[in-house]
Amino acid sequence: MNNLSDISVIKSVLQKHGFTFSKALGQNFIINPGICPRIAEEGGARKGVGILEVGTGIGVLTAELAKRADKVVCVELDSRLFPILDETLAEFDNVKIINGDILKVDLHKIISEEFGDMPVAVCANLPYYITSPVIMRLLESRLPIDSVTVMVQKEAARRLCAEVGGKESGAVTVAVNYYANAKTLFDVSRGSFMPSPNVDSAVIRLDLRDEPPIKVSDEEFFFRMVKAAFAQRRKTASNSISSGMNIPKDKVIAALENSGFSPNVRAESLSMQELGTLCENLAEFK
């Protein structure tokens, strides 16, 4: 179906199927015709590649992905969209829609069964309310994927793509950078959606690393420390880690000093390598 980003076409299709937007699912459909082709191109959709899409909307991005990739498999939670997608994606025989929750389905199984040995990339227009959980699920699962290209809230994009050790850096910044190289591709105005959200968006791409940029002896402990360190941004790392991990403050200060840092250092000023060093010096408290 042509003109899937045309407001009148969207309204007609939705009305025909009696579809109403779900605020609970954070549904905002793309109406800017230039956005989805660009996501598909910069997200790696091309011959010989399989695409895993998270959420379909009415299939605007799905169609652009299907035009370019060998196969597109979409995980969509809202089954009300299925009759609409049967109509809007009728011309494509390389699209499969799976009804499921991206946070619960077996992604390894889906990728293995649907794509085989084909290179796989992920593309999505993510609902704002599940941005971080979805991204971290995709990264932490260590899936056989090359990249994750997603549209997220602009503020979230800044955090996700920030430099570790910069003022925008947070726990999610560290986690993303541990698994991937992150960069912002382009901004998307709020007027590009229907209904229009209250904030602007940005498209980012995470290129997965073959190996993490640092080596830590215990990944789970490292991420516990990072989460605690950034939990109270106005406090020093010693206070945050002490309270968040139930470690005596003097022991945390000793670990900071052994790592070459001031006892008053804040977590956001520490690089990835420095966080790794601190983690190893706190290892006795695992």
Protein backbone atom coordinates (compact mmCIF):
# COMPACT_ATOMS: atom_id res chain seq x y z
CA MET A 1 0.00 0.00 0.00
CA ASN A 2 1.35 3.42 -0.97
CA ASN A 3 1.38 6.61 1.10
CA LEU A 4 1.39 4.89 4.47
CA SER A 5 2.75 8.06 6.02
CA ASP A 6 -0.11 10.17 4.58
CA ILE A 7 -2.42 11.32 7.39
CA SER A 8 -5.58 10.81 5.34
CA VAL A 9 -4.51 7.27 4.39
CA ILE A 10 -3.65 6.45 8.00
CA LYS A 11 -6.96 7.79 9.28
CA SER A 12 -8.88 5.90 6.60
CA VAL A 13 -7.16 2.59 7.39
CA LEU A 14 -7.53 3.00 11.15
CA GLN A 15 -11.19 3.98 10.83
CA LYS A 16 -11.90 1.03 8.54
CA HIS A 17 -10.58 -1.37 11.18
CA GLY A 18 -11.98 0.51 14.18
CA PHE A 19 -8.52 1.08 15.61
CA THR A 20 -7.89 3.62 18.37
CA PHE A 21 -4.47 4.62 19.72
CA SER A 22 -3.36 3.13 23.01
CA LYS A 23 -1.69 5.58 25.39
CA ALA A 24 -0.68 2.64 27.58
CA LEU A 25 1.37 1.22 24.68
CA GLY A 26 2.85 4.60 23.78
CA GLN A 27 1.61 4.45 20.20
CA ASN A 28 2.72 7.31 17.93
CA PHE A 29 2.71 6.51 14.21
CA ILE A 30 5.17 8.16 11.82
CA ILE A 31 3.64 10.54 9.26
CA ASN A 32 6.82 12.22 7.96
CA PRO A 33 7.53 10.39 4.66
CA GLY A 34 11.29 10.99 4.83
CA ILE A 35 11.90 9.31 8.17
CA CYS A 36 11.36 5.58 7.58
CA PRO A 37 13.40 5.28 4.36
CA ARG A 38 16.29 6.91 6.16
CA ILE A 39 15.99 4.61 9.19
CA ALA A 40 15.94 1.61 6.86
CA GLU A 41 18.99 2.80 4.91
CA GLU A 42 21.09 3.80 7.91
CA GLY A 43 19.87 0.83 9.94
CA GLY A 44 21.50 -1.63 7.55
CA ALA A 45 18.49 -2.97 5.64
CA ARG A 46 19.89 -4.37 2.39
CA LYS A 47 20.11 -7.52 0.32
CA GLY A 48 21.46 -10.51 2.20
CA VAL A 49 20.44 -9.07 5.59
CA GLY A 50 17.60 -9.97 7.94
CA ILE A 51 15.86 -7.31 10.03
CA LEU A 52 14.24 -7.81 13.42
CA GLU A 53 11.73 -5.03 14.00
CA VAL A 54 10.36 -4.16 17.43
CA GLY A 55 6.76 -3.00 17.02
CA THR A 56 5.16 -2.30 13.66
CA GLY A 57 2.66 0.52 13.98
CA ILE A 58 0.67 0.25 10.76
CA GLY A 59 3.74 -0.92 8.88
CA VAL A 60 5.32 2.31 7.61
CA LEU A 61 8.85 1.38 8.67
CA THR A 62 8.18 -2.32 8.08
CA ALA A 63 7.44 -1.65 4.40
CA GLU A 64 10.67 0.31 3.92
CA LEU A 65 12.65 -2.46 5.60
CA ALA A 66 10.96 -5.12 3.46
CA LYS A 67 11.82 -3.25 0.26
CA ARG A 68 15.50 -3.49 1.10
CA ALA A 69 16.18 -6.54 3.30
CA ASP A 70 15.83 -10.23 2.46
CA LYS A 71 13.49 -10.83 5.39
CA VAL A 72 11.79 -8.77 8.11
CA VAL A 73 10.49 -10.35 11.30
CA CYS A 74 8.46 -8.08 13.57
CA VAL A 75 7.58 -8.64 17.22
CA GLU A 76 4.33 -6.75 17.86
CA LEU A 77 2.45 -6.75 21.16
CA ASP A 78 -0.83 -5.21 19.95
CA SER A 79 -2.78 -7.89 18.08
CA ARG A 80 -5.37 -5.26 17.07
CA LEU A 81 -2.87 -4.16 14.42
CA PHE A 82 -2.74 -7.52 12.66
CA PRO A 83 -5.76 -7.03 10.34
CA ILE A 84 -4.38 -3.60 9.43
CA LEU A 85 -0.96 -5.06 8.66
CA ASP A 86 -2.53 -7.76 6.50
CA GLU A 87 -3.76 -4.91 4.33
CA THR A 88 -0.87 -2.45 4.48
CA LEU A 89 1.85 -5.08 3.95
CA ALA A 90 -0.05 -7.30 1.53
CA GLU A 91 2.48 -6.78 -1.27
CA PHE A 92 5.40 -8.17 0.75
CA ASP A 93 6.07 -11.89 1.04
CA ASN A 94 9.23 -11.43 3.08
CA VAL A 95 7.56 -10.12 6.26
CA LYS A 96 6.53 -12.18 9.28
CA ILE A 97 4.67 -10.72 12.26
CA ILE A 98 5.00 -12.41 15.65
CA ASN A 99 2.52 -11.50 18.36
CA GLY A 100 4.54 -11.12 21.53
CA ASP A 101 6.26 -8.91 24.10
CA ILE A 102 9.84 -8.08 23.08
CA LEU A 103 10.82 -8.21 26.75
CA LYS A 104 9.54 -11.79 27.12
CA VAL A 105 9.91 -13.67 23.83
CA ASP A 106 12.88 -15.96 23.16
CA LEU A 107 14.92 -13.73 20.86
CA HIS A 108 17.72 -16.26 20.34
CA LYS A 109 15.16 -18.80 19.14
CA ILE A 110 13.42 -16.31 16.85
CA ILE A 111 16.67 -15.20 15.24
CA SER A 112 17.92 -18.75 14.82
CA GLU A 113 14.68 -20.08 13.33
CA GLU A 114 13.81 -17.10 11.15
CA PHE A 115 17.20 -15.92 9.89
CA GLY A 116 19.56 -18.88 10.11
CA ASP A 117 23.09 -17.74 9.28
CA MET A 118 21.94 -14.45 7.74
CA PRO A 119 23.44 -11.23 9.19
CA VAL A 120 20.78 -9.58 11.37
CA ALA A 121 20.13 -5.97 12.42
CA VAL A 122 17.42 -4.54 14.65
CA CYS A 123 15.31 -1.51 13.70
CA ALA A 124 12.48 0.08 15.66
CA ASN A 125 10.46 3.14 16.55
CA LEU A 126 10.39 2.48 20.28
CA PRO A 127 7.65 3.66 22.65
CA TYR A 128 9.30 6.08 25.06
CA TYR A 129 8.23 4.22 28.18
CA ILE A 130 10.17 1.04 27.36
CA THR A 131 13.20 2.51 25.58
CA SER A 132 15.88 1.54 28.11
CA PRO A 133 14.44 -1.91 29.01
CA VAL A 134 14.20 -2.90 25.33
CA ILE A 135 17.67 -1.63 24.43
CA MET A 136 19.25 -3.34 27.43
CA ARG A 137 17.40 -6.60 26.68
CA LEU A 138 18.78 -6.54 23.14
CA LEU A 139 22.32 -5.83 24.34
CA GLU A 140 22.50 -7.98 27.46
CA SER A 141 21.09 -11.01 25.65
CA ARG A 142 24.23 -11.05 23.48
CA LEU A 143 22.18 -11.80 20.40
CA PRO A 144 23.83 -12.59 17.05
CA ILE A 145 23.03 -9.12 15.69
CA ASP A 146 25.24 -6.47 14.10
CA SER A 147 23.44 -3.30 15.13
CA VAL A 148 20.39 -1.77 16.79
CA THR A 149 18.89 1.31 15.10
CA VAL A 150 16.05 2.87 17.05
CA MET A 151 14.05 6.06 17.34
CA VAL A 152 13.91 7.28 20.92
CA GLN A 153 13.11 10.43 22.85
CA LYS A 154 15.75 13.08 22.11
CA GLU A 155 16.72 13.40 25.76
CA ALA A 156 17.19 9.64 25.98
CA ALA A 157 19.33 9.72 22.84
CA ARG A 158 21.69 12.18 24.50
CA ARG A 159 22.15 9.89 27.49
CA LEU A 160 22.49 6.72 25.43
CA CYS A 161 25.06 8.23 23.06
CA ALA A 162 26.95 10.35 25.59
CA GLU A 163 30.64 9.90 26.25
CA VAL A 164 31.33 7.94 29.41
CA GLY A 165 32.94 10.43 31.77
CA GLY A 166 31.00 13.41 30.41
CA LYS A 167 28.28 15.35 32.23
CA GLU A 168 25.49 13.62 30.26
CA SER A 169 26.85 10.23 31.30
CA GLY A 170 24.72 7.90 33.42
CA ALA A 171 24.41 4.23 34.29
CA VAL A 172 22.66 3.50 30.99
CA THR A 173 25.45 5.30 29.11
CA VAL A 174 28.02 3.00 30.70
CA ALA A 175 25.92 -0.10 30.01
CA VAL A 176 25.34 0.80 26.35
CA ASN A 177 29.00 1.64 25.79
CA TYR A 178 30.05 -1.64 27.37
CA TYR A 179 28.20 -3.55 24.66
CA ALA A 180 28.19 -1.19 21.69
CA ASN A 181 29.47 1.92 19.93
CA ALA A 182 26.59 4.40 20.06
CA LYS A 183 25.95 7.41 17.85
CA THR A 184 23.08 9.73 16.98
CA LEU A 185 22.09 9.56 13.31
CA PHE A 186 19.51 12.35 13.04
CA ASP A 187 16.82 14.27 14.94
CA VAL A 188 13.07 13.88 14.36
CA SER A 189 10.59 16.64 15.27
CA ARG A 190 7.45 15.90 17.28
CA GLY A 191 5.33 16.93 14.31
CA SER A 192 6.53 13.83 12.45
CA PHE A 193 4.07 11.65 14.39
CA MET A 194 0.38 11.05 14.80
CA PRO A 195 -0.67 11.68 17.47
CA SER A 196 2.09 14.19 18.10
CA PRO A 197 4.09 13.56 21.31
CA ASN A 198 5.14 16.38 23.62
CA VAL A 199 8.85 15.92 22.91
CA ASP A 200 11.18 15.59 19.94
CA SER A 201 12.90 12.35 19.02
CA ALA A 202 16.20 11.16 17.57
CA VAL A 203 17.34 8.08 15.70
CA ILE A 204 20.41 6.37 17.12
CA ARG A 205 22.45 3.37 16.06
CA LEU A 206 24.29 1.00 18.34
CA ASP A 207 26.97 -1.04 16.59
CA LEU A 208 27.64 -4.06 18.75
CA ARG A 209 31.20 -4.67 19.87
CA ASP A 210 32.99 -7.98 19.41
CA GLU A 211 34.49 -7.49 22.86
CA PRO A 212 33.75 -5.03 25.72
CA PRO A 213 36.13 -2.04 25.92
CA ILE A 214 37.27 -3.15 29.39
CA LYS A 215 37.75 -6.49 31.11
CA VAL A 216 36.14 -6.99 34.51
CA SER A 217 36.26 -10.15 36.57
CA ASP A 218 32.54 -10.07 37.36
CA GLU A 219 30.14 -8.31 34.98
CA GLU A 220 27.17 -8.57 37.35
CA PHE A 221 29.14 -6.92 40.15
CA PHE A 222 30.41 -4.23 37.75
CA PHE A 223 26.89 -3.24 36.71
CA ARG A 224 25.68 -3.31 40.31
CA MET A 225 28.45 -0.88 41.18
CA VAL A 226 27.69 1.35 38.19
CA LYS A 227 23.98 1.43 39.03
CA ALA A 228 24.74 2.37 42.63
CA ALA A 229 27.34 4.97 41.65
CA PHE A 230 24.91 6.84 39.42
CA ALA A 231 21.79 6.36 41.56
CA GLN A 232 22.30 9.61 43.46
CA ARG A 233 23.91 12.00 41.01
CA ARG A 234 24.25 14.88 43.46
CA LYS A 235 26.31 12.74 45.81
CA THR A 236 29.91 11.67 45.54
CA ALA A 237 30.66 8.20 44.21
CA SER A 238 31.77 7.13 47.68
CA ASN A 239 28.41 8.06 49.23
CA SER A 240 26.37 6.57 46.39
CA ILE A 241 28.28 3.28 46.23
CA SER A 242 28.38 2.93 50.01
CA SER A 243 24.63 3.38 50.43
CA GLY A 244 23.68 1.54 47.23
CA MET A 245 25.82 -1.52 47.85
CA ASN A 246 25.89 -1.53 51.66
CA ILE A 247 29.67 -1.20 51.77
CA PRO A 248 31.30 0.82 54.59
CA LYS A 249 32.12 4.28 53.28
CA ASP A 250 35.73 4.13 54.47
CA LYS A 251 36.22 0.98 52.39
CA VAL A 252 34.81 2.68 49.29
CA ILE A 253 37.05 5.69 49.86
CA ALA A 254 40.04 3.37 50.20
CA ALA A 255 39.11 1.69 46.91
CA LEU A 256 38.79 5.08 45.21
CA GLU A 257 42.19 6.17 46.49
CA ASN A 258 43.76 2.85 45.47
CA SER A 259 42.35 3.50 42.01
CA GLY A 260 43.98 6.94 41.92
CA PHE A 261 40.83 9.00 42.45
CA SER A 262 39.79 11.69 44.90
CA PRO A 263 37.42 10.55 47.68
CA ASN A 264 35.06 13.30 46.47
CA VAL A 265 34.94 12.23 42.82
CA ARG A 266 31.49 11.91 41.20
CA ALA A 267 30.58 8.92 39.08
CA GLU A 268 29.84 10.93 35.93
CA SER A 269 33.44 12.13 35.78
CA LEU A 270 34.87 8.60 35.59
CA SER A 271 35.75 6.99 32.27
CA MET A 272 34.87 3.42 31.39
CA GLN A 273 38.41 2.29 32.17
CA GLU A 274 38.36 4.13 35.52
CA LEU A 275 35.04 2.55 36.47
CA GLY A 276 36.51 -0.84 35.63
CA THR A 277 39.53 -0.17 37.83
CA LEU A 278 37.32 0.91 40.72
CA CYS A 279 35.24 -2.22 40.31
CA GLU A 280 38.27 -4.46 40.65
CA ASN A 281 39.38 -2.57 43.76
CA LEU A 282 35.97 -3.20 45.30
CA ALA A 283 35.98 -6.88 44.33
CA GLU A 284 36.33 -8.11 47.92
CA PHE A 285 32.76 -6.92 48.55
CA LYS A 286 31.12 -9.15 45.93
